[in-house]
Structures are given as structure tokens and as C-alpha cells.
C-alpha atoms as a PDB file:
ATOM      1  CA  UNK A   1     199.648 189.363  85.017  1.00  0.00           C
ATOM      2  CA  UNK A   2     202.440 186.831  85.430  1.00  0.00           C
ATOM      3  CA  UNK A   3     205.853 187.677  83.998  1.00  0.00           C
ATOM      4  CA  UNK A   4     208.055 185.120  82.218  1.00  0.00           C
ATOM      5  CA  UNK A   5     211.426 185.359  80.464  1.00  0.00           C
ATOM      6  CA  UNK A   6     212.005 185.061  76.703  1.00  0.00           C
ATOM      7  CA  UNK A   7     214.012 181.890  76.050  1.00  0.00           C
ATOM      8  CA  UNK A   8     215.974 183.605  73.259  1.00  0.00           C
ATOM      9  CA  UNK A   9     216.862 187.090  74.486  1.00  0.00           C
ATOM     10  CA  UNK A  10     216.208 186.827  78.247  1.00  0.00           C
ATOM     11  CA  UNK A  11     213.942 189.882  78.458  1.00  0.00           C
ATOM     12  CA  UNK A  12     210.780 189.819  80.598  1.00  0.00           C
ATOM     13  CA  UNK A  13     207.546 189.011  78.735  1.00  0.00           C
ATOM     14  CA  UNK A  14     203.886 188.430  79.517  1.00  0.00           C
ATOM     15  CA  UNK A  15     201.573 186.044  77.672  1.00  0.00           C
ATOM     16  CA  UNK A  16     198.244 187.518  76.595  1.00  0.00           C
ATOM     17  CA  UNK A  17     195.425 185.415  75.129  1.00  0.00           C
ATOM     18  CA  UNK A  18     194.071 187.220  72.064  1.00  0.00           C
ATOM     19  CA  UNK A  19     190.394 187.443  71.210  1.00  0.00           C
ATOM     20  CA  UNK A  20     191.059 184.700  68.631  1.00  0.00           C
ATOM     21  CA  UNK A  21     192.247 182.359  71.400  1.00  0.00           C
ATOM     22  CA  UNK A  22     195.985 182.413  70.628  1.00  0.00           C
ATOM     23  CA  UNK A  23     198.625 183.161  73.258  1.00  0.00           C
ATOM     24  CA  UNK A  24     200.854 186.060  72.260  1.00  0.00           C
ATOM     25  CA  UNK A  25     204.157 186.946  73.943  1.00  0.00           C
ATOM     26  CA  UNK A  26     204.361 190.670  74.702  1.00  0.00           C
ATOM     27  CA  UNK A  27     206.966 192.918  76.265  1.00  0.00           C
ATOM     28  CA  UNK A  28     206.285 193.043  80.006  1.00  0.00           C
ATOM     29  CA  UNK A  29     206.172 196.817  80.362  1.00  0.00           C
ATOM     30  CA  UNK A  30     202.849 198.381  79.346  1.00  0.00           C
ATOM     31  CA  UNK A  31     202.954 201.465  77.118  1.00  0.00           C
ATOM     32  CA  UNK A  32     200.489 204.292  76.622  1.00  0.00           C
ATOM     33  CA  UNK A  33     198.856 204.439  73.196  1.00  0.00           C
ATOM     34  CA  UNK A  34     196.355 206.421  71.147  1.00  0.00           C
ATOM     35  CA  UNK A  35     193.960 204.214  69.195  1.00  0.00           C
ATOM     36  CA  UNK A  36     194.097 205.214  65.545  1.00  0.00           C
ATOM     37  CA  UNK A  37     192.410 203.433  62.644  1.00  0.00           C
ATOM     38  CA  UNK A  38     195.169 202.653  60.144  1.00  0.00           C
ATOM     39  CA  UNK A  39     197.864 203.581  62.660  1.00  0.00           C
ATOM     40  CA  UNK A  40     201.408 202.453  61.916  1.00  0.00           C
ATOM     41  CA  UNK A  41     201.850 200.494  65.152  1.00  0.00           C
ATOM     42  CA  UNK A  42     199.935 197.633  66.766  1.00  0.00           C
ATOM     43  CA  UNK A  43     199.210 197.188  70.439  1.00  0.00           C
ATOM     44  CA  UNK A  44     197.743 194.277  72.399  1.00  0.00           C
ATOM     45  CA  UNK A  45     195.285 195.324  75.090  1.00  0.00           C
ATOM     46  CA  UNK A  46     195.136 193.436  78.404  1.00  0.00           C
ATOM     47  CA  UNK A  47     191.885 191.802  77.246  1.00  0.00           C
ATOM     48  CA  UNK A  48     193.538 190.479  74.057  1.00  0.00           C
ATOM     49  CA  UNK A  49     192.437 192.927  71.377  1.00  0.00           C
ATOM     50  CA  UNK A  50     195.058 193.760  68.742  1.00  0.00           C
ATOM     51  CA  UNK A  51     194.485 197.320  67.556  1.00  0.00           C
ATOM     52  CA  UNK A  52     196.154 199.912  65.341  1.00  0.00           C
ATOM     53  CA  UNK A  53     197.558 202.852  67.218  1.00  0.00           C
ATOM     54  CA  UNK A  54     200.137 205.573  67.588  1.00  0.00           C
ATOM     55  CA  UNK A  55     202.654 205.367  70.419  1.00  0.00           C
ATOM     56  CA  UNK A  56     204.110 208.877  70.143  1.00  0.00           C
ATOM     57  CA  UNK A  57     200.987 210.942  70.846  1.00  0.00           C
ATOM     58  CA  UNK A  58     200.794 213.577  73.580  1.00  0.00           C
ATOM     59  CA  UNK A  59     199.836 212.283  77.061  1.00  0.00           C
ATOM     60  CA  UNK A  60     196.420 213.974  77.006  1.00  0.00           C
ATOM     61  CA  UNK A  61     195.568 212.147  73.745  1.00  0.00           C
ATOM     62  CA  UNK A  62     196.343 208.646  75.023  1.00  0.00           C
ATOM     63  CA  UNK A  63     193.543 206.079  74.845  1.00  0.00           C
ATOM     64  CA  UNK A  64     194.946 203.558  77.320  1.00  0.00           C
ATOM     65  CA  UNK A  65     197.737 201.164  78.238  1.00  0.00           C
ATOM     66  CA  UNK A  66     198.665 198.112  76.204  1.00  0.00           C
ATOM     67  CA  UNK A  67     201.535 195.812  75.336  1.00  0.00           C
ATOM     68  CA  UNK A  68     203.871 195.608  72.350  1.00  0.00           C
ATOM     69  CA  UNK A  69     204.180 192.178  70.755  1.00  0.00           C
ATOM     70  CA  UNK A  70     207.536 190.670  71.687  1.00  0.00           C
ATOM     71  CA  UNK A  71     207.826 189.302  68.135  1.00  0.00           C
ATOM     72  CA  UNK A  72     208.446 192.865  66.964  1.00  0.00           C
ATOM     73  CA  UNK A  73     211.143 193.679  69.535  1.00  0.00           C
ATOM     74  CA  UNK A  74     213.003 190.396  70.130  1.00  0.00           C
ATOM     75  CA  UNK A  75     216.343 190.290  68.305  1.00  0.00           C
ATOM     76  CA  UNK A  76     215.988 186.484  68.100  1.00  0.00           C
ATOM     77  CA  UNK A  77     212.370 186.348  66.844  1.00  0.00           C
ATOM     78  CA  UNK A  78     213.385 184.462  63.682  1.00  0.00           C
ATOM     79  CA  UNK A  79     214.622 181.537  65.768  1.00  0.00           C
ATOM     80  CA  UNK A  80     211.001 180.788  66.773  1.00  0.00           C
ATOM     81  CA  UNK A  81     209.504 180.945  63.282  1.00  0.00           C
ATOM     82  CA  UNK A  82     208.485 177.673  61.683  1.00  0.00           C
ATOM     83  CA  UNK A  83     210.164 176.892  58.391  1.00  0.00           C
ATOM     84  CA  UNK A  84     207.846 176.310  55.459  1.00  0.00           C
END
């Protein structure tokens, strides 16, 4: 996966095409997650699925590796939002 840099905050990101065909910027470092229906966090899998999960589960409970949407971690995310 190719790494880019966020134009606003300068942190490394990767672009993942979701199953709906949209490109989503995600933090470049993958994180372990436990898939959980109704979980409080969201993760983007390498194949573009956005799923509910828990990030603070024990290592033996982890379902896989995924990416956190950069929209949720970028301090400048509002600068990219379109005004209505």
C-alpha cells in the first residue's frame, strides 16, 4: 500500500477504496481490532470494508488488522469539509 502525506497535518496516510467505491484517507499504521457488532469504533479493512469494532481487546481476541479513518484523527479535518 502506498503512503502519502496529509496536506493539512503532515502525518502519513494511505488511501483505501471502500466497498462503495469511495477513496478514504486512513492513518498509515495498521491497528489490531476485534470485530464487534455495535462496537464504539470503526475500522477500515485493507479490502475496503468499514466495520464496527473494539480496539482495546486482548491480543488473543483480535480479529485482524485494519486502518483508522484519518478524518477521525486529523486535527485539521474540518478544513476539508464542504460547506453546505
